[in-house]
Amino acid sequence: MDIYNLSTELEFEWDGGNSTKNYSKHGVTSSEIEECFFNFTLVSPDIIHSQNEERFNLLGETDSEKILFISFTIRFLKIRVISARSVDKKEKQTYETAKNHS
């Protein structure tokens, strides 16, 4: 995974279905997702799901130190979140190792 600064001049575009789905399915709010983009992040291209548009996977941390896995795309300089969930054990270790070495 690479380190990116995604907080530069990008806006979020929310569709009601995705923000509701992320909360009801994974307990993750839109605010928590946005916080991750302004803190330390690890981002990698999502090659498997990028047939129709370029997608990315992000490991990031909320202001309350909750680590999330976020799948997103960028359309017209706006971040569109596809899904978000808490990280698994391996993802948490990857994130914490990278953060401690940054």
PDB file of N, CA and C in Angstrom:
ATOM      1  N   MET A   1       0.838  -1.181   0.000  1.00  0.00           N
ATOM      2  CA  MET A   1       0.000   0.000   0.000  1.00  0.00           C
ATOM      3  C   MET A   1       0.881   1.242   0.000  1.00  0.00           C
ATOM      4  N   ASP A   2       0.382   2.284  -0.630  1.00  0.00           N
ATOM      5  CA  ASP A   2       1.098   3.546  -0.695  1.00  0.00           C
ATOM      6  C   ASP A   2       0.471   4.552   0.257  1.00  0.00           C
ATOM      7  N   ILE A   3       1.220   5.583   0.583  1.00  0.00           N
ATOM      8  CA  ILE A   3       0.723   6.654   1.435  1.00  0.00           C
ATOM      9  C   ILE A   3       0.337   7.821   0.535  1.00  0.00           C
ATOM     10  N   TYR A   4      -0.893   8.320   0.679  1.00  0.00           N
ATOM     11  CA  TYR A   4      -1.400   9.437  -0.105  1.00  0.00           C
ATOM     12  C   TYR A   4      -1.967  10.493   0.829  1.00  0.00           C
ATOM     13  N   ASN A   5      -2.006  11.726   0.378  1.00  0.00           N
ATOM     14  CA  ASN A   5      -2.724  12.776   1.083  1.00  0.00           C
ATOM     15  C   ASN A   5      -3.974  13.079   0.278  1.00  0.00           C
ATOM     16  N   LEU A   6      -5.090  12.543   0.713  1.00  0.00           N
ATOM     17  CA  LEU A   6      -6.340  12.717  -0.020  1.00  0.00           C
ATOM     18  C   LEU A   6      -7.141  13.910   0.469  1.00  0.00           C
ATOM     19  N   SER A   7      -6.629  14.632   1.432  1.00  0.00           N
ATOM     20  CA  SER A   7      -7.391  15.735   2.013  1.00  0.00           C
ATOM     21  C   SER A   7      -7.249  17.036   1.233  1.00  0.00           C
ATOM     22  N   THR A   8      -6.522  17.026   0.140  1.00  0.00           N
ATOM     23  CA  THR A   8      -6.267  18.259  -0.593  1.00  0.00           C
ATOM     24  C   THR A   8      -7.404  18.582  -1.551  1.00  0.00           C
ATOM     25  N   GLU A   9      -8.254  19.486  -1.137  1.00  0.00           N
ATOM     26  CA  GLU A   9      -9.287  20.059  -1.990  1.00  0.00           C
ATOM     27  C   GLU A   9     -10.329  19.066  -2.499  1.00  0.00           C
ATOM     28  N   LEU A  10     -10.421  17.880  -1.960  1.00  0.00           N
ATOM     29  CA  LEU A  10     -11.432  16.941  -2.417  1.00  0.00           C
ATOM     30  C   LEU A  10     -12.687  17.061  -1.565  1.00  0.00           C
ATOM     31  N   GLU A  11     -13.823  16.883  -2.202  1.00  0.00           N
ATOM     32  CA  GLU A  11     -15.105  16.896  -1.508  1.00  0.00           C
ATOM     33  C   GLU A  11     -15.667  15.482  -1.502  1.00  0.00           C
ATOM     34  N   PHE A  12     -16.663  15.265  -0.664  1.00  0.00           N
ATOM     35  CA  PHE A  12     -17.346  13.983  -0.622  1.00  0.00           C
ATOM     36  C   PHE A  12     -18.693  14.109  -1.309  1.00  0.00           C
ATOM     37  N   GLU A  13     -19.065  13.061  -2.010  1.00  0.00           N
ATOM     38  CA  GLU A  13     -20.387  12.984  -2.623  1.00  0.00           C
ATOM     39  C   GLU A  13     -21.067  11.750  -2.040  1.00  0.00           C
ATOM     40  N   TRP A  14     -22.152  11.972  -1.324  1.00  0.00           N
ATOM     41  CA  TRP A  14     -22.849  10.870  -0.660  1.00  0.00           C
ATOM     42  C   TRP A  14     -24.141  10.552  -1.383  1.00  0.00           C
ATOM     43  N   ASP A  15     -24.382   9.278  -1.540  1.00  0.00           N
ATOM     44  CA  ASP A  15     -25.689   8.846  -2.017  1.00  0.00           C
ATOM     45  C   ASP A  15     -26.354   8.195  -0.814  1.00  0.00           C
ATOM     46  N   GLY A  16     -27.607   8.530  -0.587  1.00  0.00           N
ATOM     47  CA  GLY A  16     -28.313   8.094   0.615  1.00  0.00           C
ATOM     48  C   GLY A  16     -28.238   6.609   0.869  1.00  0.00           C
ATOM     49  N   GLY A  17     -28.280   5.819  -0.184  1.00  0.00           N
ATOM     50  CA  GLY A  17     -28.228   4.370  -0.024  1.00  0.00           C
ATOM     51  C   GLY A  17     -26.936   3.891   0.600  1.00  0.00           C
ATOM     52  N   ASN A  18     -25.808   4.416   0.140  1.00  0.00           N
ATOM     53  CA  ASN A  18     -24.518   3.964   0.668  1.00  0.00           C
ATOM     54  C   ASN A  18     -24.295   4.390   2.109  1.00  0.00           C
ATOM     55  N   SER A  19     -24.642   5.620   2.450  1.00  0.00           N
ATOM     56  CA  SER A  19     -24.406   6.061   3.824  1.00  0.00           C
ATOM     57  C   SER A  19     -25.296   5.290   4.793  1.00  0.00           C
ATOM     58  N   THR A  20     -26.527   5.014   4.405  1.00  0.00           N
ATOM     59  CA  THR A  20     -27.426   4.216   5.244  1.00  0.00           C
ATOM     60  C   THR A  20     -26.929   2.783   5.348  1.00  0.00           C
ATOM     61  N   LYS A  21     -26.492   2.219   4.227  1.00  0.00           N
ATOM     62  CA  LYS A  21     -26.009   0.832   4.206  1.00  0.00           C
ATOM     63  C   LYS A  21     -24.777   0.662   5.086  1.00  0.00           C
ATOM     64  N   ASN A  22     -23.836   1.592   5.009  1.00  0.00           N
ATOM     65  CA  ASN A  22     -22.614   1.475   5.811  1.00  0.00           C
ATOM     66  C   ASN A  22     -22.925   1.491   7.302  1.00  0.00           C
ATOM     67  N   TYR A  23     -23.915   2.282   7.698  1.00  0.00           N
ATOM     68  CA  TYR A  23     -24.256   2.333   9.116  1.00  0.00           C
ATOM     69  C   TYR A  23     -25.046   1.095   9.539  1.00  0.00           C
ATOM     70  N   SER A  24     -26.057   0.729   8.767  1.00  0.00           N
ATOM     71  CA  SER A  24     -26.895  -0.406   9.177  1.00  0.00           C
ATOM     72  C   SER A  24     -26.150  -1.731   9.089  1.00  0.00           C
ATOM     73  N   LYS A  25     -25.278  -1.872   8.124  1.00  0.00           N
ATOM     74  CA  LYS A  25     -24.564  -3.139   7.929  1.00  0.00           C
ATOM     75  C   LYS A  25     -23.287  -3.231   8.765  1.00  0.00           C
ATOM     76  N   HIS A  26     -22.580  -2.111   8.924  1.00  0.00           N
ATOM     77  CA  HIS A  26     -21.258  -2.148   9.562  1.00  0.00           C
ATOM     78  C   HIS A  26     -21.106  -1.198  10.755  1.00  0.00           C
ATOM     79  N   GLY A  27     -22.136  -0.402  11.063  1.00  0.00           N
ATOM     80  CA  GLY A  27     -22.052   0.517  12.196  1.00  0.00           C
ATOM     81  C   GLY A  27     -21.090   1.667  11.992  1.00  0.00           C
ATOM     82  N   VAL A  28     -20.879   2.056  10.735  1.00  0.00           N
ATOM     83  CA  VAL A  28     -19.924   3.122  10.404  1.00  0.00           C
ATOM     84  C   VAL A  28     -20.703   4.326   9.874  1.00  0.00           C
ATOM     85  N   THR A  29     -20.480   5.488  10.483  1.00  0.00           N
ATOM     86  CA  THR A  29     -21.184   6.694  10.050  1.00  0.00           C
ATOM     87  C   THR A  29     -20.410   7.419   8.944  1.00  0.00           C
ATOM     88  N   SER A  30     -21.115   8.264   8.219  1.00  0.00           N
ATOM     89  CA  SER A  30     -20.473   9.070   7.173  1.00  0.00           C
ATOM     90  C   SER A  30     -19.406   9.981   7.770  1.00  0.00           C
ATOM     91  N   SER A  31     -19.665  10.517   8.943  1.00  0.00           N
ATOM     92  CA  SER A  31     -18.682  11.392   9.608  1.00  0.00           C
ATOM     93  C   SER A  31     -17.400  10.640   9.925  1.00  0.00           C
ATOM     94  N   GLU A  32     -17.537   9.403  10.412  1.00  0.00           N
ATOM     95  CA  GLU A  32     -16.347   8.599  10.712  1.00  0.00           C
ATOM     96  C   GLU A  32     -15.542   8.331   9.443  1.00  0.00           C
ATOM     97  N   ILE A  33     -16.243   8.043   8.364  1.00  0.00           N
ATOM     98  CA  ILE A  33     -15.566   7.777   7.092  1.00  0.00           C
ATOM     99  C   ILE A  33     -14.777   9.008   6.653  1.00  0.00           C
ATOM    100  N   GLU A  34     -15.406  10.168   6.691  1.00  0.00           N
ATOM    101  CA  GLU A  34     -14.731  11.397   6.272  1.00  0.00           C
ATOM    102  C   GLU A  34     -13.511  11.690   7.139  1.00  0.00           C
ATOM    103  N   GLU A  35     -13.610  11.447   8.440  1.00  0.00           N
ATOM    104  CA  GLU A  35     -12.476  11.683   9.340  1.00  0.00           C
ATOM    105  C   GLU A  35     -11.239  10.905   8.895  1.00  0.00           C
ATOM    106  N   CYS A  36     -11.444   9.689   8.418  1.00  0.00           N
ATOM    107  CA  CYS A  36     -10.313   8.844   8.011  1.00  0.00           C
ATOM    108  C   CYS A  36      -9.477   9.498   6.915  1.00  0.00           C
ATOM    109  N   PHE A  37     -10.120  10.221   6.007  1.00  0.00           N
ATOM    110  CA  PHE A  37      -9.410  10.831   4.889  1.00  0.00           C
ATOM    111  C   PHE A  37      -8.521  11.994   5.327  1.00  0.00           C
ATOM    112  N   PHE A  38      -8.758  12.530   6.524  1.00  0.00           N
ATOM    113  CA  PHE A  38      -7.983  13.665   7.016  1.00  0.00           C
ATOM    114  C   PHE A  38      -6.941  13.258   8.045  1.00  0.00           C
ATOM    115  N   ASN A  39      -6.841  11.972   8.315  1.00  0.00           N
ATOM    116  CA  ASN A  39      -5.835  11.425   9.216  1.00  0.00           C
ATOM    117  C   ASN A  39      -4.877  10.563   8.398  1.00  0.00           C
ATOM    118  N   PHE A  40      -3.951   9.899   9.047  1.00  0.00           N
ATOM    119  CA  PHE A  40      -2.995   9.030   8.350  1.00  0.00           C
ATOM    120  C   PHE A  40      -3.751   7.937   7.599  1.00  0.00           C
ATOM    121  N   THR A  41      -3.431   7.749   6.320  1.00  0.00           N
ATOM    122  CA  THR A  41      -4.108   6.733   5.507  1.00  0.00           C
ATOM    123  C   THR A  41      -3.114   5.876   4.742  1.00  0.00           C
ATOM    124  N   LEU A  42      -3.544   4.672   4.447  1.00  0.00           N
ATOM    125  CA  LEU A  42      -2.868   3.796   3.491  1.00  0.00           C
ATOM    126  C   LEU A  42      -3.868   3.554   2.374  1.00  0.00           C
ATOM    127  N   VAL A  43      -3.458   3.804   1.150  1.00  0.00           N
ATOM    128  CA  VAL A  43      -4.360   3.658   0.008  1.00  0.00           C
ATOM    129  C   VAL A  43      -3.714   2.764  -1.029  1.00  0.00           C
ATOM    130  N   SER A  44      -4.518   1.869  -1.598  1.00  0.00           N
ATOM    131  CA  SER A  44      -4.032   1.017  -2.685  1.00  0.00           C
ATOM    132  C   SER A  44      -5.106   0.937  -3.763  1.00  0.00           C
ATOM    133  N   PRO A  45      -4.701   0.756  -5.020  1.00  0.00           N
ATOM    134  CA  PRO A  45      -5.692   0.584  -6.079  1.00  0.00           C
ATOM    135  C   PRO A  45      -6.433  -0.735  -5.884  1.00  0.00           C
ATOM    136  N   ASP A  46      -7.716  -0.728  -6.182  1.00  0.00           N
ATOM    137  CA  ASP A  46      -8.534  -1.939  -6.126  1.00  0.00           C
ATOM    138  C   ASP A  46      -8.646  -2.481  -7.547  1.00  0.00           C
ATOM    139  N   ILE A  47      -7.661  -3.220  -7.950  1.00  0.00           N
ATOM    140  CA  ILE A  47      -7.571  -3.707  -9.327  1.00  0.00           C
ATOM    141  C   ILE A  47      -8.732  -4.640  -9.671  1.00  0.00           C
ATOM    142  N   ILE A  48      -9.137  -5.462  -8.731  1.00  0.00           N
ATOM    143  CA  ILE A  48     -10.198  -6.446  -8.985  1.00  0.00           C
ATOM    144  C   ILE A  48     -11.520  -5.773  -9.330  1.00  0.00           C
ATOM    145  N   HIS A  49     -11.846  -4.661  -8.670  1.00  0.00           N
ATOM    146  CA  HIS A  49     -13.145  -4.010  -8.865  1.00  0.00           C
ATOM    147  C   HIS A  49     -13.056  -2.740  -9.711  1.00  0.00           C
ATOM    148  N   SER A  50     -12.009  -2.593 -10.501  1.00  0.00           N
ATOM    149  CA  SER A  50     -11.809  -1.363 -11.273  1.00  0.00           C
ATOM    150  C   SER A  50     -12.088  -1.528 -12.764  1.00  0.00           C
ATOM    151  N   GLN A  51     -12.960  -2.432 -13.134  1.00  0.00           N
ATOM    152  CA  GLN A  51     -13.239  -2.622 -14.558  1.00  0.00           C
ATOM    153  C   GLN A  51     -13.958  -1.418 -15.169  1.00  0.00           C
ATOM    154  N   ASN A  52     -14.968  -0.877 -14.484  1.00  0.00           N
ATOM    155  CA  ASN A  52     -15.750   0.230 -15.031  1.00  0.00           C
ATOM    156  C   ASN A  52     -15.226   1.601 -14.626  1.00  0.00           C
ATOM    157  N   GLU A  53     -14.594   1.689 -13.480  1.00  0.00           N
ATOM    158  CA  GLU A  53     -14.011   2.936 -12.993  1.00  0.00           C
ATOM    159  C   GLU A  53     -12.885   2.587 -12.032  1.00  0.00           C
ATOM    160  N   GLU A  54     -11.940   3.493 -11.875  1.00  0.00           N
ATOM    161  CA  GLU A  54     -10.824   3.242 -10.969  1.00  0.00           C
ATOM    162  C   GLU A  54     -11.315   3.325  -9.525  1.00  0.00           C
ATOM    163  N   ARG A  55     -11.041   2.266  -8.773  1.00  0.00           N
ATOM    164  CA  ARG A  55     -11.433   2.209  -7.365  1.00  0.00           C
ATOM    165  C   ARG A  55     -10.197   2.042  -6.495  1.00  0.00           C
ATOM    166  N   PHE A  56     -10.358   2.437  -5.243  1.00  0.00           N
ATOM    167  CA  PHE A  56      -9.270   2.382  -4.283  1.00  0.00           C
ATOM    168  C   PHE A  56      -9.755   1.782  -2.975  1.00  0.00           C
ATOM    169  N   ASN A  57      -8.805   1.208  -2.234  1.00  0.00           N
ATOM    170  CA  ASN A  57      -9.059   0.739  -0.875  1.00  0.00           C
ATOM    171  C   ASN A  57      -8.207   1.574   0.065  1.00  0.00           C
ATOM    172  N   LEU A  58      -8.794   1.951   1.179  1.00  0.00           N
ATOM    173  CA  LEU A  58      -8.119   2.809   2.142  1.00  0.00           C
ATOM    174  C   LEU A  58      -8.208   2.188   3.530  1.00  0.00           C
ATOM    175  N   LEU A  59      -7.105   2.227   4.240  1.00  0.00           N
ATOM    176  CA  LEU A  59      -7.098   1.934   5.669  1.00  0.00           C
ATOM    177  C   LEU A  59      -6.858   3.265   6.350  1.00  0.00           C
ATOM    178  N   GLY A  60      -7.761   3.644   7.250  1.00  0.00           N
ATOM    179  CA  GLY A  60      -7.631   4.933   7.916  1.00  0.00           C
ATOM    180  C   GLY A  60      -8.235   4.898   9.299  1.00  0.00           C
ATOM    181  N   GLU A  61      -7.982   5.964  10.031  1.00  0.00           N
ATOM    182  CA  GLU A  61      -8.377   6.021  11.435  1.00  0.00           C
ATOM    183  C   GLU A  61      -9.274   7.227  11.681  1.00  0.00           C
ATOM    184  N   THR A  62     -10.346   7.017  12.437  1.00  0.00           N
ATOM    185  CA  THR A  62     -11.219   8.119  12.819  1.00  0.00           C
ATOM    186  C   THR A  62     -10.545   8.947  13.908  1.00  0.00           C
ATOM    187  N   ASP A  63     -11.151  10.072  14.234  1.00  0.00           N
ATOM    188  CA  ASP A  63     -10.606  10.907  15.306  1.00  0.00           C
ATOM    189  C   ASP A  63     -10.653  10.193  16.654  1.00  0.00           C
ATOM    190  N   SER A  64     -11.539   9.198  16.783  1.00  0.00           N
ATOM    191  CA  SER A  64     -11.621   8.428  18.032  1.00  0.00           C
ATOM    192  C   SER A  64     -10.827   7.123  17.947  1.00  0.00           C
ATOM    193  N   GLU A  65      -9.907   7.044  16.971  1.00  0.00           N
ATOM    194  CA  GLU A  65      -8.959   5.932  16.805  1.00  0.00           C
ATOM    195  C   GLU A  65      -9.605   4.607  16.392  1.00  0.00           C
ATOM    196  N   LYS A  66     -10.747   4.674  15.750  1.00  0.00           N
ATOM    197  CA  LYS A  66     -11.379   3.490  15.167  1.00  0.00           C
ATOM    198  C   LYS A  66     -10.787   3.322  13.764  1.00  0.00           C
ATOM    199  N   ILE A  67     -10.220   2.163  13.473  1.00  0.00           N
ATOM    200  CA  ILE A  67      -9.573   1.938  12.177  1.00  0.00           C
ATOM    201  C   ILE A  67     -10.585   1.305  11.226  1.00  0.00           C
ATOM    202  N   LEU A  68     -10.693   1.884  10.025  1.00  0.00           N
ATOM    203  CA  LEU A  68     -11.679   1.439   9.041  1.00  0.00           C
ATOM    204  C   LEU A  68     -11.025   1.033   7.727  1.00  0.00           C
ATOM    205  N   PHE A  69     -11.695   0.132   7.022  1.00  0.00           N
ATOM    206  CA  PHE A  69     -11.375  -0.224   5.639  1.00  0.00           C
ATOM    207  C   PHE A  69     -12.450   0.440   4.795  1.00  0.00           C
ATOM    208  N   ILE A  70     -12.036   1.258   3.832  1.00  0.00           N
ATOM    209  CA  ILE A  70     -12.980   2.008   3.005  1.00  0.00           C
ATOM    210  C   ILE A  70     -12.675   1.762   1.536  1.00  0.00           C
ATOM    211  N   SER A  71     -13.696   1.402   0.791  1.00  0.00           N
ATOM    212  CA  SER A  71     -13.590   1.264  -0.661  1.00  0.00           C
ATOM    213  C   SER A  71     -14.230   2.511  -1.269  1.00  0.00           C
ATOM    214  N   PHE A  72     -13.529   3.152  -2.230  1.00  0.00           N
ATOM    215  CA  PHE A  72     -14.058   4.391  -2.793  1.00  0.00           C
ATOM    216  C   PHE A  72     -13.562   4.601  -4.216  1.00  0.00           C
ATOM    217  N   THR A  73     -14.198   5.547  -4.883  1.00  0.00           N
ATOM    218  CA  THR A  73     -13.760   5.994  -6.193  1.00  0.00           C
ATOM    219  C   THR A  73     -13.735   7.519  -6.171  1.00  0.00           C
ATOM    220  N   ILE A  74     -13.121   8.112  -7.177  1.00  0.00           N
ATOM    221  CA  ILE A  74     -13.119   9.569  -7.295  1.00  0.00           C
ATOM    222  C   ILE A  74     -13.768   9.918  -8.626  1.00  0.00           C
ATOM    223  N   ARG A  75     -14.840  10.710  -8.547  1.00  0.00           N
ATOM    224  CA  ARG A  75     -15.538  11.175  -9.746  1.00  0.00           C
ATOM    225  C   ARG A  75     -15.599  12.695  -9.709  1.00  0.00           C
ATOM    226  N   PHE A  76     -15.084  13.311 -10.734  1.00  0.00           N
ATOM    227  CA  PHE A  76     -15.110  14.775 -10.843  1.00  0.00           C
ATOM    228  C   PHE A  76     -14.577  15.436  -9.567  1.00  0.00           C
ATOM    229  N   LEU A  77     -13.433  14.945  -9.078  1.00  0.00           N
ATOM    230  CA  LEU A  77     -12.754  15.445  -7.884  1.00  0.00           C
ATOM    231  C   LEU A  77     -13.580  15.301  -6.609  1.00  0.00           C
ATOM    232  N   LYS A  78     -14.530  14.390  -6.617  1.00  0.00           N
ATOM    233  CA  LYS A  78     -15.326  14.112  -5.421  1.00  0.00           C
ATOM    234  C   LYS A  78     -15.143  12.654  -5.033  1.00  0.00           C
ATOM    235  N   ILE A  79     -14.947  12.431  -3.740  1.00  0.00           N
ATOM    236  CA  ILE A  79     -14.805  11.068  -3.228  1.00  0.00           C
ATOM    237  C   ILE A  79     -16.194  10.468  -3.075  1.00  0.00           C
ATOM    238  N   ARG A  80     -16.406   9.319  -3.708  1.00  0.00           N
ATOM    239  CA  ARG A  80     -17.659   8.564  -3.560  1.00  0.00           C
ATOM    240  C   ARG A  80     -17.327   7.259  -2.855  1.00  0.00           C
ATOM    241  N   VAL A  81     -17.822   7.126  -1.644  1.00  0.00           N
ATOM    242  CA  VAL A  81     -17.568   5.930  -0.855  1.00  0.00           C
ATOM    243  C   VAL A  81     -18.487   4.814  -1.328  1.00  0.00           C
ATOM    244  N   ILE A  82     -17.889   3.653  -1.564  1.00  0.00           N
ATOM    245  CA  ILE A  82     -18.645   2.485  -2.003  1.00  0.00           C
ATOM    246  C   ILE A  82     -19.047   1.652  -0.796  1.00  0.00           C
ATOM    247  N   SER A  83     -18.102   1.432   0.110  1.00  0.00           N
ATOM    248  CA  SER A  83     -18.412   0.708   1.345  1.00  0.00           C
ATOM    249  C   SER A  83     -17.359   1.024   2.400  1.00  0.00           C
ATOM    250  N   ALA A  84     -17.733   0.793   3.652  1.00  0.00           N
ATOM    251  CA  ALA A  84     -16.815   1.017   4.772  1.00  0.00           C
ATOM    252  C   ALA A  84     -17.161   0.040   5.889  1.00  0.00           C
ATOM    253  N   ARG A  85     -16.113  -0.442   6.544  1.00  0.00           N
ATOM    254  CA  ARG A  85     -16.297  -1.399   7.638  1.00  0.00           C
ATOM    255  C   ARG A  85     -15.095  -1.306   8.564  1.00  0.00           C
ATOM    256  N   SER A  86     -15.230  -1.921   9.746  1.00  0.00           N
ATOM    257  CA  SER A  86     -14.080  -2.031  10.639  1.00  0.00           C
ATOM    258  C   SER A  86     -13.065  -2.978  10.016  1.00  0.00           C
ATOM    259  N   VAL A  87     -11.807  -2.779  10.332  1.00  0.00           N
ATOM    260  CA  VAL A  87     -10.748  -3.619   9.765  1.00  0.00           C
ATOM    261  C   VAL A  87     -10.720  -4.984  10.441  1.00  0.00           C
ATOM    262  N   ASP A  88     -10.153  -5.949   9.725  1.00  0.00           N
ATOM    263  CA  ASP A  88      -9.905  -7.251  10.343  1.00  0.00           C
ATOM    264  C   ASP A  88      -8.531  -7.201  11.022  1.00  0.00           C
ATOM    265  N   LYS A  89      -8.154  -8.286  11.654  1.00  0.00           N
ATOM    266  CA  LYS A  89      -6.915  -8.327  12.443  1.00  0.00           C
ATOM    267  C   LYS A  89      -5.675  -8.030  11.589  1.00  0.00           C
ATOM    268  N   LYS A  90      -5.608  -8.621  10.406  1.00  0.00           N
ATOM    269  CA  LYS A  90      -4.448  -8.426   9.525  1.00  0.00           C
ATOM    270  C   LYS A  90      -4.374  -6.975   9.034  1.00  0.00           C
ATOM    271  N   GLU A  91      -5.521  -6.414   8.650  1.00  0.00           N
ATOM    272  CA  GLU A  91      -5.557  -5.024   8.184  1.00  0.00           C
ATOM    273  C   GLU A  91      -5.147  -4.061   9.304  1.00  0.00           C
ATOM    274  N   LYS A  92      -5.594  -4.346  10.515  1.00  0.00           N
ATOM    275  CA  LYS A  92      -5.226  -3.504  11.662  1.00  0.00           C
ATOM    276  C   LYS A  92      -3.720  -3.523  11.882  1.00  0.00           C
ATOM    277  N   GLN A  93      -3.130  -4.702  11.799  1.00  0.00           N
ATOM    278  CA  GLN A  93      -1.681  -4.831  11.982  1.00  0.00           C
ATOM    279  C   GLN A  93      -0.933  -4.072  10.884  1.00  0.00           C
ATOM    280  N   THR A  94      -1.388  -4.202   9.641  1.00  0.00           N
ATOM    281  CA  THR A  94      -0.769  -3.490   8.519  1.00  0.00           C
ATOM    282  C   THR A  94      -0.812  -1.984   8.752  1.00  0.00           C
ATOM    283  N   TYR A  95      -1.978  -1.487   9.148  1.00  0.00           N
ATOM    284  CA  TYR A  95      -2.149  -0.052   9.374  1.00  0.00           C
ATOM    285  C   TYR A  95      -1.252   0.441  10.507  1.00  0.00           C
ATOM    286  N   GLU A  96      -1.297  -0.258  11.629  1.00  0.00           N
ATOM    287  CA  GLU A  96      -0.524   0.184  12.793  1.00  0.00           C
ATOM    288  C   GLU A  96       0.978   0.138  12.541  1.00  0.00           C
ATOM    289  N   THR A  97       1.443  -0.876  11.815  1.00  0.00           N
ATOM    290  CA  THR A  97       2.864  -0.961  11.480  1.00  0.00           C
ATOM    291  C   THR A  97       3.279   0.226  10.614  1.00  0.00           C
ATOM    292  N   ALA A  98       2.486   0.525   9.588  1.00  0.00           N
ATOM    293  CA  ALA A  98       2.806   1.649   8.700  1.00  0.00           C
ATOM    294  C   ALA A  98       2.758   2.976   9.449  1.00  0.00           C
ATOM    295  N   LYS A  99       1.760   3.148  10.288  1.00  0.00           N
ATOM    296  CA  LYS A  99       1.619   4.405  11.033  1.00  0.00           C
ATOM    297  C   LYS A  99       2.796   4.604  11.987  1.00  0.00           C
ATOM    298  N   ASN A 100       3.219   3.544  12.630  1.00  0.00           N
ATOM    299  CA  ASN A 100       4.341   3.637  13.570  1.00  0.00           C
ATOM    300  C   ASN A 100       5.671   3.906  12.876  1.00  0.00           C
ATOM    301  N   HIS A 101       5.753   3.603  11.578  1.00  0.00           N
ATOM    302  CA  HIS A 101       6.992   3.826  10.825  1.00  0.00           C
ATOM    303  C   HIS A 101       6.926   5.065   9.935  1.00  0.00           C
ATOM    304  N   SER A 102       5.866   5.848  10.082  1.00  0.00           N
ATOM    305  CA  SER A 102       5.740   7.042   9.228  1.00  0.00           C
ATOM    306  C   SER A 102       6.423   8.246   9.838  1.00  0.00           C
TER     307      SER A 102
END
